[in-house]
Protein backbone atom coordinates (compact mmCIF):
# COMPACT_ATOMS: atom_id res chain seq x y z
CA MET A 1 69.08 141.22 113.68
CA ALA A 2 69.77 141.76 109.96
CA GLN A 3 72.87 143.88 109.43
CA LEU A 4 73.51 146.34 106.24
CA ARG A 5 76.70 145.45 104.65
CA ILE A 6 78.52 148.50 103.06
CA PRO A 7 81.42 147.95 100.78
CA LEU A 8 84.81 149.75 102.11
CA ASP A 9 88.01 149.49 100.19
CA ALA A 10 91.06 151.26 101.24
CA GLN A 11 90.36 154.38 99.49
CA ARG A 12 87.10 154.93 100.70
CA PHE A 13 88.55 154.13 104.43
CA SER A 14 91.37 156.53 103.84
CA LYS A 15 88.55 159.23 103.56
CA GLY A 16 86.72 158.64 106.96
CA LEU A 17 87.04 160.10 110.32
CA THR A 18 89.04 158.68 113.15
CA TRP A 19 86.89 158.20 116.41
CA LYS A 20 88.90 161.09 117.95
CA ASP A 21 87.74 163.15 115.09
CA TYR A 22 84.33 161.97 114.96
CA MET A 23 83.65 162.68 118.61
CA ALA A 24 85.42 166.11 118.26
CA GLN A 25 82.91 167.20 115.67
CA MET A 26 79.85 166.15 117.67
CA GLY A 27 77.52 168.60 119.18
CA ASP A 28 74.65 167.86 121.67
CA THR A 29 74.86 164.28 121.77
CA ARG A 30 78.70 164.08 122.48
CA ALA A 31 78.46 163.55 126.28
CA ARG A 32 75.50 160.84 126.04
CA THR A 33 77.63 159.05 123.13
CA GLU A 34 80.75 159.23 125.41
CA ASP A 35 78.91 157.61 128.40
CA ASN A 36 77.13 154.97 126.24
CA TYR A 37 80.50 154.08 124.56
CA ALA A 38 82.14 153.89 128.30
CA LYS A 39 79.36 151.47 129.27
CA SER A 40 79.58 149.14 126.33
CA ALA A 41 81.35 145.90 126.06
CA LEU A 42 82.01 143.15 123.62
CA THR A 43 80.88 139.71 124.48
CA ALA A 44 83.40 136.84 124.26
CA GLU A 45 81.81 135.83 120.91
CA GLU A 46 81.96 139.12 119.23
CA LEU A 47 85.82 139.24 120.46
CA ARG A 48 86.38 135.80 118.78
CA ARG A 49 84.75 137.29 115.61
CA ARG A 50 86.26 140.78 115.53
CA PRO A 51 88.26 142.01 112.40
CA PRO A 52 91.95 142.41 112.52
CA GLN A 53 93.40 145.43 114.03
CA LEU A 54 93.20 148.81 112.19
CA PRO A 55 96.28 150.44 110.98
CA ALA A 56 97.99 152.40 113.79
CA ASP A 57 97.36 155.89 112.02
CA ARG A 58 93.74 155.16 111.80
CA ALA A 59 93.16 153.71 115.28
CA ARG A 60 90.56 155.08 117.56
CA LEU A 61 91.23 157.27 120.41
């Protein structure tokens, strides 16, 4: 599956929502999104390729 690459520098990243803030502003689809998120898991290959951890102040949840 092709993936879109979006340039993301520190300035743009700092303007984004944390996962917690994103979920807080959701409307009707919040429960479904939370359910899908709880059921999702990364494969071993995805874990190996995953990027470095986010700074503590931007970590999700």
